[in-house]
Amino acid sequence: MFADPGTYSLMGYLMLFHELNLDYTWSTYASEGGNFGFFSSNEMAKRLNAKMYAEAKRLGVKWILGGECGHMWRVLNQYMDTWNGPADFLEVPRSPITGTVFENAKSTKMVHITEFTADLIKNGKLKLDPSRNDHLKVTFHDSCNPARGMGLFEEPRYILRHVCNNFYEMPEGTIREQTFCCGGGSGLNNDEFMEMRMRGGLRGRTR
């Protein structure tokens, strides 16, 4: 969130919340959920993850709405509940806009921003004009962690198909469960070194 293009993601979240007149709290201490401790040590990942529940409790929120970061979500879905839960002080997430109960999040009490947004669109809570993006040809690169690690395939595509008219899938064998690694996870933000990126990103070589 603290450098481009992440700042644009942050501004997008805030614009969405403003449009919805959503009652939300943004923590100063847990504004970034990225967890590169996942690639260094179990203890570090656990400590970085713990701040989210600690801040949710301190601020008295009902449930947690998380941003895009893939490493945050891989840790959250596989380890958060056993490392730092159970989060019995939080409610099972229910959208205050649509009333949808996110049953998949009743253990961790945390919802992904794309799940939240796709639900808004499905229930007609956002006024969208996809023709405003007709000058763009859009595709989508599944992130290893939310996609292969979590199965978050449909929600991003649902959003894209409702905000633009020119969405194109990349070739089979490079998307969904077979997506290529971008180097940001197991590559630990690999430098712009194409040979190394390709070696780390080919299917069957990612970790």
N, C-alpha and C. Protein backbone atom coordinates (compact mmCIF):
# COMPACT_ATOMS: atom_id res chain seq x y z
N MET A 1 0.82 -1.21 0.00
CA MET A 1 0.00 0.00 0.00
C MET A 1 0.85 1.26 0.00
N PHE A 2 2.15 1.14 0.22
CA PHE A 2 2.97 2.31 0.48
C PHE A 2 3.83 2.73 -0.71
N ALA A 3 3.55 2.20 -1.89
CA ALA A 3 4.28 2.59 -3.09
C ALA A 3 3.40 2.28 -4.30
N ASP A 4 3.66 2.94 -5.42
CA ASP A 4 2.89 2.65 -6.63
C ASP A 4 3.29 1.27 -7.16
N PRO A 5 2.37 0.45 -7.69
CA PRO A 5 0.96 0.78 -7.93
C PRO A 5 0.04 0.48 -6.75
N GLY A 6 0.58 0.02 -5.61
CA GLY A 6 -0.27 -0.32 -4.48
C GLY A 6 -1.13 0.83 -3.99
N THR A 7 -0.61 2.05 -4.10
CA THR A 7 -1.40 3.21 -3.65
C THR A 7 -2.69 3.34 -4.45
N TYR A 8 -2.66 2.92 -5.72
CA TYR A 8 -3.87 3.00 -6.53
C TYR A 8 -4.91 1.98 -6.06
N SER A 9 -4.44 0.81 -5.63
CA SER A 9 -5.36 -0.17 -5.06
C SER A 9 -6.01 0.40 -3.81
N LEU A 10 -5.21 1.03 -2.98
CA LEU A 10 -5.72 1.65 -1.76
C LEU A 10 -6.77 2.72 -2.09
N MET A 11 -6.48 3.57 -3.05
CA MET A 11 -7.44 4.60 -3.43
C MET A 11 -8.73 3.97 -3.97
N GLY A 12 -8.59 2.87 -4.70
CA GLY A 12 -9.77 2.17 -5.21
C GLY A 12 -10.65 1.65 -4.09
N TYR A 13 -10.02 1.07 -3.05
CA TYR A 13 -10.81 0.60 -1.90
C TYR A 13 -11.56 1.75 -1.27
N LEU A 14 -10.87 2.86 -1.06
CA LEU A 14 -11.48 4.00 -0.38
C LEU A 14 -12.62 4.60 -1.21
N MET A 15 -12.45 4.64 -2.53
CA MET A 15 -13.52 5.13 -3.41
C MET A 15 -14.74 4.21 -3.32
N LEU A 16 -14.50 2.90 -3.28
CA LEU A 16 -15.60 1.94 -3.15
C LEU A 16 -16.34 2.14 -1.84
N PHE A 17 -15.59 2.25 -0.74
CA PHE A 17 -16.22 2.42 0.57
C PHE A 17 -17.01 3.73 0.64
N HIS A 18 -16.47 4.77 0.02
CA HIS A 18 -17.17 6.06 0.00
C HIS A 18 -18.48 5.95 -0.78
N GLU A 19 -18.43 5.28 -1.93
CA GLU A 19 -19.63 5.10 -2.75
C GLU A 19 -20.71 4.34 -1.99
N LEU A 20 -20.30 3.38 -1.17
CA LEU A 20 -21.24 2.55 -0.41
C LEU A 20 -21.70 3.21 0.88
N ASN A 21 -21.02 4.29 1.27
CA ASN A 21 -21.26 4.91 2.59
C ASN A 21 -21.04 3.86 3.68
N LEU A 22 -19.97 3.09 3.51
CA LEU A 22 -19.67 1.99 4.41
C LEU A 22 -19.05 2.50 5.72
N ASP A 23 -19.49 1.95 6.82
CA ASP A 23 -18.92 2.27 8.13
C ASP A 23 -17.73 1.34 8.36
N TYR A 24 -16.53 1.88 8.23
CA TYR A 24 -15.34 1.04 8.34
C TYR A 24 -14.27 1.74 9.17
N THR A 25 -13.33 0.95 9.66
CA THR A 25 -12.17 1.45 10.39
C THR A 25 -10.92 0.94 9.70
N TRP A 26 -9.95 1.84 9.46
CA TRP A 26 -8.69 1.44 8.82
C TRP A 26 -7.59 1.57 9.87
N SER A 27 -6.97 0.46 10.20
CA SER A 27 -5.96 0.45 11.26
C SER A 27 -4.64 1.09 10.81
N THR A 28 -4.05 1.86 11.69
CA THR A 28 -2.73 2.42 11.45
C THR A 28 -1.65 1.35 11.58
N TYR A 29 -1.90 0.37 12.43
CA TYR A 29 -0.87 -0.62 12.76
C TYR A 29 -0.98 -1.90 11.94
N ALA A 30 -2.12 -2.14 11.32
CA ALA A 30 -2.30 -3.36 10.51
C ALA A 30 -2.90 -3.02 9.16
N SER A 31 -2.41 -1.93 8.57
CA SER A 31 -2.95 -1.50 7.27
C SER A 31 -2.39 -2.34 6.13
N GLU A 32 -1.33 -3.07 6.38
CA GLU A 32 -0.70 -3.93 5.36
C GLU A 32 -0.72 -5.37 5.86
N GLY A 33 -1.33 -6.26 5.06
CA GLY A 33 -1.45 -7.65 5.48
C GLY A 33 -0.42 -8.58 4.88
N GLY A 34 0.44 -8.05 4.01
CA GLY A 34 1.45 -8.87 3.36
C GLY A 34 2.29 -9.63 4.38
N ASN A 35 2.58 -10.88 4.09
CA ASN A 35 3.26 -11.71 5.08
C ASN A 35 4.41 -12.49 4.45
N PHE A 36 5.54 -11.80 4.26
CA PHE A 36 6.71 -12.48 3.72
C PHE A 36 7.40 -13.33 4.78
N GLY A 37 6.92 -13.26 6.01
CA GLY A 37 7.40 -14.21 7.01
C GLY A 37 7.09 -15.64 6.62
N PHE A 38 6.07 -15.81 5.78
CA PHE A 38 5.69 -17.13 5.29
C PHE A 38 6.84 -17.81 4.56
N PHE A 39 7.78 -17.00 4.03
CA PHE A 39 8.88 -17.55 3.26
C PHE A 39 10.21 -17.49 4.02
N SER A 40 10.14 -17.08 5.29
CA SER A 40 11.38 -17.01 6.06
C SER A 40 11.34 -17.91 7.29
N SER A 41 10.31 -17.76 8.13
CA SER A 41 10.21 -18.64 9.30
C SER A 41 8.77 -18.70 9.78
N ASN A 42 8.43 -19.82 10.36
CA ASN A 42 7.09 -20.03 10.91
C ASN A 42 6.76 -18.99 11.98
N GLU A 43 7.72 -18.70 12.84
CA GLU A 43 7.50 -17.75 13.93
C GLU A 43 7.27 -16.34 13.41
N MET A 44 8.04 -15.93 12.42
CA MET A 44 7.87 -14.59 11.86
C MET A 44 6.51 -14.44 11.18
N ALA A 45 6.11 -15.46 10.42
CA ALA A 45 4.80 -15.42 9.76
C ALA A 45 3.68 -15.32 10.79
N LYS A 46 3.80 -16.07 11.87
CA LYS A 46 2.79 -16.05 12.93
C LYS A 46 2.70 -14.68 13.57
N ARG A 47 3.85 -14.05 13.83
CA ARG A 47 3.87 -12.73 14.48
C ARG A 47 3.29 -11.65 13.57
N LEU A 48 3.62 -11.71 12.27
CA LEU A 48 3.07 -10.74 11.33
C LEU A 48 1.56 -10.90 11.17
N ASN A 49 1.11 -12.14 11.21
CA ASN A 49 -0.31 -12.43 11.07
C ASN A 49 -1.10 -11.97 12.30
N ALA A 50 -0.49 -12.07 13.47
CA ALA A 50 -1.19 -11.80 14.74
C ALA A 50 -1.71 -10.37 14.83
N LYS A 51 -1.04 -9.43 14.16
CA LYS A 51 -1.43 -8.03 14.30
C LYS A 51 -2.86 -7.77 13.82
N MET A 52 -3.36 -8.59 12.88
CA MET A 52 -4.70 -8.35 12.34
C MET A 52 -5.77 -8.61 13.40
N TYR A 53 -5.67 -9.73 14.11
CA TYR A 53 -6.63 -10.00 15.18
C TYR A 53 -6.44 -9.04 16.34
N ALA A 54 -5.19 -8.71 16.64
CA ALA A 54 -4.92 -7.79 17.75
C ALA A 54 -5.57 -6.43 17.50
N GLU A 55 -5.44 -5.93 16.28
CA GLU A 55 -6.02 -4.64 15.93
C GLU A 55 -7.55 -4.71 15.85
N ALA A 56 -8.07 -5.81 15.33
CA ALA A 56 -9.52 -5.97 15.27
C ALA A 56 -10.13 -5.93 16.67
N LYS A 57 -9.43 -6.56 17.62
CA LYS A 57 -9.91 -6.56 19.00
C LYS A 57 -9.79 -5.18 19.63
N ARG A 58 -8.65 -4.51 19.39
CA ARG A 58 -8.43 -3.19 19.98
C ARG A 58 -9.44 -2.17 19.46
N LEU A 59 -9.77 -2.27 18.18
CA LEU A 59 -10.67 -1.30 17.55
C LEU A 59 -12.15 -1.66 17.69
N GLY A 60 -12.44 -2.87 18.12
CA GLY A 60 -13.83 -3.26 18.33
C GLY A 60 -14.64 -3.44 17.06
N VAL A 61 -14.00 -3.94 16.01
CA VAL A 61 -14.72 -4.13 14.74
C VAL A 61 -15.55 -5.41 14.80
N LYS A 62 -16.49 -5.55 13.85
CA LYS A 62 -17.34 -6.74 13.80
C LYS A 62 -16.65 -7.90 13.10
N TRP A 63 -15.98 -7.60 11.97
CA TRP A 63 -15.23 -8.61 11.21
C TRP A 63 -14.22 -7.89 10.34
N ILE A 64 -13.37 -8.64 9.65
CA ILE A 64 -12.25 -8.04 8.92
C ILE A 64 -12.45 -8.19 7.42
N LEU A 65 -12.24 -7.09 6.69
CA LEU A 65 -12.25 -7.10 5.23
C LEU A 65 -10.82 -6.91 4.77
N GLY A 66 -10.27 -7.90 4.09
CA GLY A 66 -8.87 -7.86 3.71
C GLY A 66 -8.66 -7.46 2.26
N GLY A 67 -7.50 -6.90 1.98
CA GLY A 67 -7.15 -6.47 0.63
C GLY A 67 -6.62 -7.58 -0.24
N GLU A 68 -5.84 -7.21 -1.24
CA GLU A 68 -5.46 -8.13 -2.30
C GLU A 68 -4.35 -9.11 -1.94
N CYS A 69 -3.43 -8.75 -1.06
CA CYS A 69 -2.16 -9.45 -0.92
C CYS A 69 -2.27 -10.98 -0.85
N GLY A 70 -1.63 -11.65 -1.81
CA GLY A 70 -1.71 -13.10 -1.90
C GLY A 70 -1.08 -13.82 -0.73
N HIS A 71 0.04 -13.31 -0.23
CA HIS A 71 0.73 -14.00 0.87
C HIS A 71 -0.08 -13.88 2.15
N MET A 72 -0.76 -12.75 2.32
CA MET A 72 -1.65 -12.61 3.47
C MET A 72 -2.73 -13.69 3.43
N TRP A 73 -3.29 -13.91 2.24
CA TRP A 73 -4.42 -14.82 2.15
C TRP A 73 -4.00 -16.28 2.22
N ARG A 74 -2.84 -16.62 1.74
CA ARG A 74 -2.37 -18.00 1.86
C ARG A 74 -2.18 -18.35 3.34
N VAL A 75 -1.54 -17.45 4.07
CA VAL A 75 -1.34 -17.66 5.50
C VAL A 75 -2.68 -17.69 6.23
N LEU A 76 -3.55 -16.75 5.87
CA LEU A 76 -4.84 -16.64 6.54
C LEU A 76 -5.66 -17.92 6.41
N ASN A 77 -5.76 -18.43 5.18
CA ASN A 77 -6.59 -19.59 4.95
C ASN A 77 -6.02 -20.89 5.50
N GLN A 78 -4.69 -20.99 5.55
CA GLN A 78 -4.10 -22.25 5.97
C GLN A 78 -3.65 -22.27 7.43
N TYR A 79 -3.36 -21.10 8.01
CA TYR A 79 -2.74 -21.11 9.34
C TYR A 79 -3.33 -20.17 10.38
N MET A 80 -4.01 -19.11 9.95
CA MET A 80 -4.40 -18.05 10.88
C MET A 80 -5.24 -18.56 12.05
N ASP A 81 -6.19 -19.41 11.77
CA ASP A 81 -7.10 -19.87 12.82
C ASP A 81 -6.38 -20.68 13.89
N THR A 82 -5.39 -21.48 13.48
CA THR A 82 -4.66 -22.28 14.46
C THR A 82 -3.53 -21.50 15.11
N TRP A 83 -2.91 -20.57 14.36
CA TRP A 83 -1.83 -19.78 14.93
C TRP A 83 -2.34 -18.77 15.96
N ASN A 84 -3.34 -17.99 15.55
CA ASN A 84 -3.75 -16.84 16.35
C ASN A 84 -5.24 -16.80 16.67
N GLY A 85 -5.96 -17.85 16.36
CA GLY A 85 -7.39 -17.93 16.66
C GLY A 85 -7.64 -18.81 17.86
N PRO A 86 -8.92 -19.13 18.12
CA PRO A 86 -10.07 -18.70 17.34
C PRO A 86 -10.44 -17.25 17.65
N ALA A 87 -10.98 -16.56 16.66
CA ALA A 87 -11.35 -15.14 16.82
C ALA A 87 -12.80 -15.05 17.29
N ASP A 88 -13.05 -15.59 18.49
CA ASP A 88 -14.42 -15.65 19.01
C ASP A 88 -14.99 -14.28 19.33
N PHE A 89 -14.16 -13.26 19.40
CA PHE A 89 -14.63 -11.91 19.70
C PHE A 89 -15.21 -11.23 18.47
N LEU A 90 -15.07 -11.86 17.29
CA LEU A 90 -15.60 -11.31 16.04
C LEU A 90 -16.85 -12.07 15.60
N GLU A 91 -17.65 -11.42 14.76
CA GLU A 91 -18.86 -12.03 14.24
C GLU A 91 -18.58 -12.74 12.92
N VAL A 92 -19.43 -13.69 12.56
CA VAL A 92 -19.36 -14.27 11.22
C VAL A 92 -19.65 -13.15 10.24
N PRO A 93 -18.77 -12.91 9.26
CA PRO A 93 -18.94 -11.76 8.36
C PRO A 93 -20.28 -11.76 7.62
N ARG A 94 -20.97 -10.64 7.72
CA ARG A 94 -22.21 -10.39 6.99
C ARG A 94 -22.10 -9.02 6.34
N SER A 95 -22.31 -8.95 5.04
CA SER A 95 -22.23 -7.67 4.35
C SER A 95 -23.31 -6.73 4.85
N PRO A 96 -22.94 -5.54 5.33
CA PRO A 96 -23.95 -4.58 5.78
C PRO A 96 -24.71 -3.95 4.61
N ILE A 97 -24.24 -4.20 3.39
CA ILE A 97 -24.87 -3.63 2.21
C ILE A 97 -25.87 -4.60 1.58
N THR A 98 -25.49 -5.87 1.48
CA THR A 98 -26.36 -6.85 0.81
C THR A 98 -27.01 -7.84 1.77
N GLY A 99 -26.47 -7.96 2.96
CA GLY A 99 -26.98 -8.94 3.91
C GLY A 99 -26.40 -10.33 3.73
N THR A 100 -25.54 -10.51 2.75
CA THR A 100 -24.93 -11.81 2.48
C THR A 100 -24.05 -12.24 3.65
N VAL A 101 -24.22 -13.48 4.10
CA VAL A 101 -23.36 -14.05 5.13
C VAL A 101 -22.27 -14.86 4.42
N PHE A 102 -21.02 -14.52 4.70
CA PHE A 102 -19.90 -15.22 4.07
C PHE A 102 -19.54 -16.44 4.91
N GLU A 103 -20.24 -17.53 4.63
CA GLU A 103 -20.09 -18.76 5.41
C GLU A 103 -18.67 -19.30 5.34
N ASN A 104 -17.99 -19.08 4.20
CA ASN A 104 -16.62 -19.57 4.05
C ASN A 104 -15.66 -18.88 5.01
N ALA A 105 -16.09 -17.75 5.60
CA ALA A 105 -15.21 -16.98 6.48
C ALA A 105 -15.64 -17.08 7.95
N LYS A 106 -16.50 -18.02 8.27
CA LYS A 106 -17.01 -18.07 9.65
C LYS A 106 -15.95 -18.53 10.65
N SER A 107 -14.87 -19.13 10.17
CA SER A 107 -13.79 -19.53 11.07
C SER A 107 -12.81 -18.39 11.30
N THR A 108 -12.29 -17.82 10.21
CA THR A 108 -11.28 -16.76 10.34
C THR A 108 -11.89 -15.38 10.54
N LYS A 109 -13.17 -15.20 10.17
CA LYS A 109 -13.89 -13.91 10.29
C LYS A 109 -13.30 -12.85 9.37
N MET A 110 -12.77 -13.27 8.23
CA MET A 110 -12.11 -12.34 7.33
C MET A 110 -12.51 -12.62 5.89
N VAL A 111 -12.90 -11.57 5.16
CA VAL A 111 -13.41 -11.68 3.80
C VAL A 111 -12.46 -10.98 2.83
N HIS A 112 -12.24 -11.58 1.66
CA HIS A 112 -11.38 -11.00 0.63
C HIS A 112 -12.14 -9.89 -0.09
N ILE A 113 -11.45 -8.81 -0.45
CA ILE A 113 -12.07 -7.66 -1.10
C ILE A 113 -12.79 -8.05 -2.39
N THR A 114 -12.28 -9.06 -3.12
CA THR A 114 -12.96 -9.46 -4.36
C THR A 114 -14.26 -10.21 -4.07
N GLU A 115 -14.30 -11.00 -2.99
CA GLU A 115 -15.55 -11.66 -2.59
C GLU A 115 -16.60 -10.60 -2.24
N PHE A 116 -16.18 -9.62 -1.47
CA PHE A 116 -17.07 -8.54 -1.02
C PHE A 116 -17.61 -7.76 -2.22
N THR A 117 -16.72 -7.42 -3.17
CA THR A 117 -17.12 -6.61 -4.31
C THR A 117 -17.98 -7.39 -5.29
N ALA A 118 -17.63 -8.63 -5.56
CA ALA A 118 -18.45 -9.47 -6.46
C ALA A 118 -19.86 -9.62 -5.91
N ASP A 119 -19.98 -9.75 -4.60
CA ASP A 119 -21.30 -9.86 -3.98
C ASP A 119 -22.11 -8.57 -4.15
N LEU A 120 -21.44 -7.43 -4.06
CA LEU A 120 -22.12 -6.14 -4.28
C LEU A 120 -22.69 -6.07 -5.70
N ILE A 121 -21.88 -6.48 -6.68
CA ILE A 121 -22.32 -6.43 -8.08
C ILE A 121 -23.47 -7.39 -8.30
N LYS A 122 -23.35 -8.61 -7.77
CA LYS A 122 -24.38 -9.63 -7.93
C LYS A 122 -25.72 -9.16 -7.39
N ASN A 123 -25.68 -8.36 -6.34
CA ASN A 123 -26.92 -7.87 -5.71
C ASN A 123 -27.32 -6.47 -6.17
N GLY A 124 -26.68 -5.99 -7.24
CA GLY A 124 -27.08 -4.73 -7.84
C GLY A 124 -26.82 -3.50 -6.99
N LYS A 125 -25.78 -3.54 -6.17
CA LYS A 125 -25.50 -2.42 -5.27
C LYS A 125 -24.49 -1.42 -5.82
N LEU A 126 -23.94 -1.70 -6.99
CA LEU A 126 -23.01 -0.77 -7.62
C LEU A 126 -23.52 -0.39 -9.01
N LYS A 127 -23.49 0.89 -9.32
CA LYS A 127 -23.88 1.36 -10.65
C LYS A 127 -22.63 1.34 -11.53
N LEU A 128 -22.63 0.45 -12.51
CA LEU A 128 -21.44 0.26 -13.34
C LEU A 128 -21.77 0.50 -14.80
N ASP A 129 -20.84 1.12 -15.51
CA ASP A 129 -20.97 1.34 -16.94
C ASP A 129 -19.72 0.79 -17.62
N PRO A 130 -19.76 -0.49 -18.01
CA PRO A 130 -18.55 -1.11 -18.59
C PRO A 130 -18.10 -0.45 -19.88
N SER A 131 -18.98 0.26 -20.58
CA SER A 131 -18.60 0.90 -21.83
C SER A 131 -17.54 1.98 -21.63
N ARG A 132 -17.42 2.49 -20.41
CA ARG A 132 -16.38 3.49 -20.13
C ARG A 132 -14.98 2.91 -20.26
N ASN A 133 -14.89 1.58 -20.26
CA ASN A 133 -13.59 0.92 -20.42
C ASN A 133 -13.43 0.27 -21.79
N ASP A 134 -14.25 0.68 -22.75
CA ASP A 134 -14.19 0.07 -24.08
C ASP A 134 -12.86 0.32 -24.79
N HIS A 135 -12.11 1.29 -24.33
CA HIS A 135 -10.80 1.55 -24.95
C HIS A 135 -9.73 0.60 -24.44
N LEU A 136 -10.08 -0.29 -23.53
CA LEU A 136 -9.12 -1.21 -22.93
C LEU A 136 -9.41 -2.66 -23.33
N LYS A 137 -8.35 -3.43 -23.55
CA LYS A 137 -8.44 -4.88 -23.66
C LYS A 137 -7.83 -5.45 -22.39
N VAL A 138 -8.60 -6.24 -21.67
CA VAL A 138 -8.24 -6.63 -20.31
C VAL A 138 -8.08 -8.14 -20.21
N THR A 139 -7.06 -8.57 -19.48
CA THR A 139 -6.92 -9.98 -19.13
C THR A 139 -6.64 -10.08 -17.64
N PHE A 140 -6.46 -11.29 -17.14
CA PHE A 140 -6.28 -11.48 -15.70
C PHE A 140 -5.26 -12.57 -15.43
N HIS A 141 -4.28 -12.25 -14.59
CA HIS A 141 -3.27 -13.21 -14.19
C HIS A 141 -3.61 -13.70 -12.79
N ASP A 142 -4.02 -14.97 -12.68
CA ASP A 142 -4.31 -15.53 -11.36
C ASP A 142 -3.05 -15.53 -10.51
N SER A 143 -3.15 -15.03 -9.30
CA SER A 143 -2.03 -15.10 -8.36
C SER A 143 -1.92 -16.51 -7.81
N CYS A 144 -0.69 -17.00 -7.64
CA CYS A 144 -0.51 -18.37 -7.13
C CYS A 144 -1.25 -18.60 -5.82
N ASN A 145 -1.06 -17.67 -4.88
CA ASN A 145 -1.59 -17.92 -3.53
C ASN A 145 -3.11 -17.87 -3.45
N PRO A 146 -3.78 -16.81 -3.89
CA PRO A 146 -5.25 -16.84 -3.85
C PRO A 146 -5.85 -17.85 -4.82
N ALA A 147 -5.20 -18.09 -5.95
CA ALA A 147 -5.76 -19.00 -6.95
C ALA A 147 -5.44 -20.45 -6.62
N ARG A 148 -4.19 -20.86 -6.86
CA ARG A 148 -3.83 -22.27 -6.60
C ARG A 148 -3.95 -22.62 -5.13
N GLY A 149 -3.57 -21.69 -4.25
CA GLY A 149 -3.56 -22.00 -2.83
C GLY A 149 -4.92 -21.92 -2.16
N MET A 150 -5.86 -21.16 -2.73
CA MET A 150 -7.14 -20.93 -2.06
C MET A 150 -8.35 -21.25 -2.92
N GLY A 151 -8.20 -21.30 -4.24
CA GLY A 151 -9.34 -21.54 -5.11
C GLY A 151 -10.16 -20.30 -5.41
N LEU A 152 -9.56 -19.12 -5.29
CA LEU A 152 -10.28 -17.87 -5.57
C LEU A 152 -10.15 -17.57 -7.07
N PHE A 153 -10.99 -18.22 -7.87
CA PHE A 153 -10.91 -18.11 -9.32
C PHE A 153 -12.00 -17.24 -9.92
N GLU A 154 -13.23 -17.41 -9.46
CA GLU A 154 -14.38 -16.83 -10.15
C GLU A 154 -14.64 -15.37 -9.81
N GLU A 155 -14.44 -14.99 -8.55
CA GLU A 155 -14.80 -13.63 -8.14
C GLU A 155 -14.08 -12.53 -8.92
N PRO A 156 -12.75 -12.65 -9.11
CA PRO A 156 -12.07 -11.61 -9.90
C PRO A 156 -12.62 -11.51 -11.33
N ARG A 157 -12.89 -12.66 -11.94
CA ARG A 157 -13.41 -12.66 -13.30
C ARG A 157 -14.83 -12.11 -13.35
N TYR A 158 -15.62 -12.39 -12.34
CA TYR A 158 -16.99 -11.85 -12.27
C TYR A 158 -16.96 -10.33 -12.25
N ILE A 159 -16.05 -9.78 -11.45
CA ILE A 159 -15.92 -8.32 -11.38
C ILE A 159 -15.48 -7.75 -12.73
N LEU A 160 -14.44 -8.34 -13.32
CA LEU A 160 -13.92 -7.83 -14.58
C LEU A 160 -14.97 -7.85 -15.69
N ARG A 161 -15.76 -8.92 -15.73
CA ARG A 161 -16.76 -9.02 -16.80
C ARG A 161 -17.89 -8.00 -16.63
N HIS A 162 -18.00 -7.44 -15.44
CA HIS A 162 -19.05 -6.44 -15.20
C HIS A 162 -18.53 -5.01 -15.27
N VAL A 163 -17.21 -4.83 -15.37
CA VAL A 163 -16.67 -3.47 -15.46
C VAL A 163 -16.00 -3.19 -16.80
N CYS A 164 -15.92 -4.19 -17.67
CA CYS A 164 -15.37 -3.95 -19.00
C CYS A 164 -16.00 -4.93 -19.98
N ASN A 165 -16.04 -4.52 -21.24
CA ASN A 165 -16.64 -5.35 -22.30
C ASN A 165 -15.62 -6.18 -23.07
N ASN A 166 -14.34 -5.89 -22.86
CA ASN A 166 -13.30 -6.56 -23.63
C ASN A 166 -12.36 -7.34 -22.71
N PHE A 167 -12.92 -8.36 -22.06
CA PHE A 167 -12.12 -9.22 -21.19
C PHE A 167 -11.75 -10.49 -21.94
N TYR A 168 -10.47 -10.83 -21.92
CA TYR A 168 -9.97 -12.00 -22.63
C TYR A 168 -9.15 -12.88 -21.68
N GLU A 169 -9.48 -14.16 -21.65
CA GLU A 169 -8.68 -15.10 -20.87
C GLU A 169 -7.36 -15.36 -21.58
N MET A 170 -6.30 -15.54 -20.81
CA MET A 170 -5.03 -15.98 -21.38
C MET A 170 -5.16 -17.46 -21.77
N PRO A 171 -4.19 -18.03 -22.48
CA PRO A 171 -4.32 -19.41 -22.97
C PRO A 171 -4.50 -20.42 -21.83
N GLU A 172 -5.26 -21.46 -22.13
CA GLU A 172 -5.37 -22.58 -21.19
C GLU A 172 -3.96 -23.09 -20.87
N GLY A 173 -3.78 -23.51 -19.66
CA GLY A 173 -2.44 -23.94 -19.24
C GLY A 173 -1.64 -22.83 -18.60
N THR A 174 -2.20 -21.62 -18.58
CA THR A 174 -1.53 -20.49 -17.91
C THR A 174 -2.45 -19.80 -16.91
N ILE A 175 -3.66 -20.32 -16.73
CA ILE A 175 -4.64 -19.67 -15.86
C ILE A 175 -5.19 -20.65 -14.83
N ARG A 176 -5.94 -20.10 -13.89
CA ARG A 176 -6.58 -20.87 -12.82
C ARG A 176 -5.56 -21.76 -12.11
N GLU A 177 -5.84 -23.06 -11.99
CA GLU A 177 -4.94 -23.95 -11.26
C GLU A 177 -3.56 -24.06 -11.90
N GLN A 178 -3.45 -23.69 -13.17
CA GLN A 178 -2.18 -23.83 -13.88
C GLN A 178 -1.50 -22.48 -14.09
N THR A 179 -1.83 -21.52 -13.28
CA THR A 179 -1.26 -20.19 -13.44
C THR A 179 0.25 -20.17 -13.26
N PHE A 180 0.90 -19.20 -13.87
CA PHE A 180 2.34 -19.00 -13.73
C PHE A 180 2.61 -18.15 -12.49
N CYS A 181 3.73 -18.41 -11.83
CA CYS A 181 4.15 -17.61 -10.69
C CYS A 181 4.73 -16.28 -11.18
N CYS A 182 4.41 -15.19 -10.49
CA CYS A 182 4.93 -13.88 -10.89
C CYS A 182 6.29 -13.59 -10.27
N GLY A 183 6.73 -14.42 -9.34
CA GLY A 183 8.01 -14.20 -8.68
C GLY A 183 7.88 -13.43 -7.37
N GLY A 184 6.68 -12.93 -7.07
CA GLY A 184 6.51 -12.11 -5.87
C GLY A 184 6.42 -12.93 -4.59
N GLY A 185 6.09 -14.22 -4.70
CA GLY A 185 5.92 -15.05 -3.52
C GLY A 185 7.15 -15.87 -3.24
N SER A 186 7.18 -17.08 -3.82
CA SER A 186 8.36 -17.93 -3.61
C SER A 186 9.60 -17.33 -4.24
N GLY A 187 9.40 -16.38 -5.18
CA GLY A 187 10.52 -15.66 -5.77
C GLY A 187 10.94 -14.47 -4.93
N LEU A 188 10.18 -14.22 -3.85
CA LEU A 188 10.48 -13.11 -2.93
C LEU A 188 10.78 -11.81 -3.69
N ASN A 189 9.79 -11.42 -4.53
CA ASN A 189 9.93 -10.19 -5.33
C ASN A 189 11.18 -10.23 -6.20
N ASN A 190 11.31 -11.30 -6.91
CA ASN A 190 12.47 -11.52 -7.78
C ASN A 190 12.75 -10.30 -8.65
N ASP A 191 14.01 -9.95 -8.78
CA ASP A 191 14.40 -8.81 -9.61
C ASP A 191 14.02 -9.04 -11.08
N GLU A 192 14.10 -7.98 -11.86
CA GLU A 192 13.74 -8.07 -13.27
C GLU A 192 14.82 -8.81 -14.06
N PHE A 193 14.92 -10.10 -13.80
CA PHE A 193 15.90 -10.97 -14.44
C PHE A 193 15.09 -12.08 -15.10
N MET A 194 14.84 -11.93 -16.40
CA MET A 194 13.85 -12.76 -17.08
C MET A 194 14.13 -14.26 -16.98
N GLU A 195 15.38 -14.66 -17.14
CA GLU A 195 15.67 -16.10 -17.08
C GLU A 195 15.29 -16.66 -15.71
N MET A 196 15.66 -15.95 -14.65
CA MET A 196 15.34 -16.43 -13.31
C MET A 196 13.84 -16.44 -13.06
N ARG A 197 13.15 -15.41 -13.53
CA ARG A 197 11.70 -15.36 -13.36
C ARG A 197 11.03 -16.55 -14.07
N MET A 198 11.47 -16.85 -15.26
CA MET A 198 10.87 -17.95 -16.01
C MET A 198 11.16 -19.29 -15.36
N ARG A 199 12.38 -19.48 -14.86
CA ARG A 199 12.73 -20.73 -14.19
C ARG A 199 11.87 -20.92 -12.93
N GLY A 200 11.66 -19.83 -12.20
CA GLY A 200 10.87 -19.92 -10.98
C GLY A 200 9.38 -19.99 -11.23
N GLY A 201 8.94 -19.50 -12.40
CA GLY A 201 7.51 -19.37 -12.64
C GLY A 201 6.86 -20.52 -13.38
N LEU A 202 7.63 -21.35 -14.07
CA LEU A 202 7.03 -22.43 -14.84
C LEU A 202 6.31 -23.40 -13.91
N ARG A 203 5.17 -23.90 -14.39
CA ARG A 203 4.38 -24.84 -13.59
C ARG A 203 5.22 -26.03 -13.16
N GLY A 204 5.02 -26.47 -11.92
CA GLY A 204 5.77 -27.61 -11.41
C GLY A 204 7.05 -27.19 -10.71
N ARG A 205 7.42 -25.88 -10.84
CA ARG A 205 8.65 -25.40 -10.23
C ARG A 205 8.37 -24.44 -9.09
N THR A 206 7.12 -23.97 -8.96
CA THR A 206 6.81 -23.03 -7.90
C THR A 206 6.69 -23.75 -6.58
N ARG A 207 6.84 -23.00 -5.51
CA ARG A 207 6.72 -23.56 -4.17
C ARG A 207 5.62 -22.85 -3.39
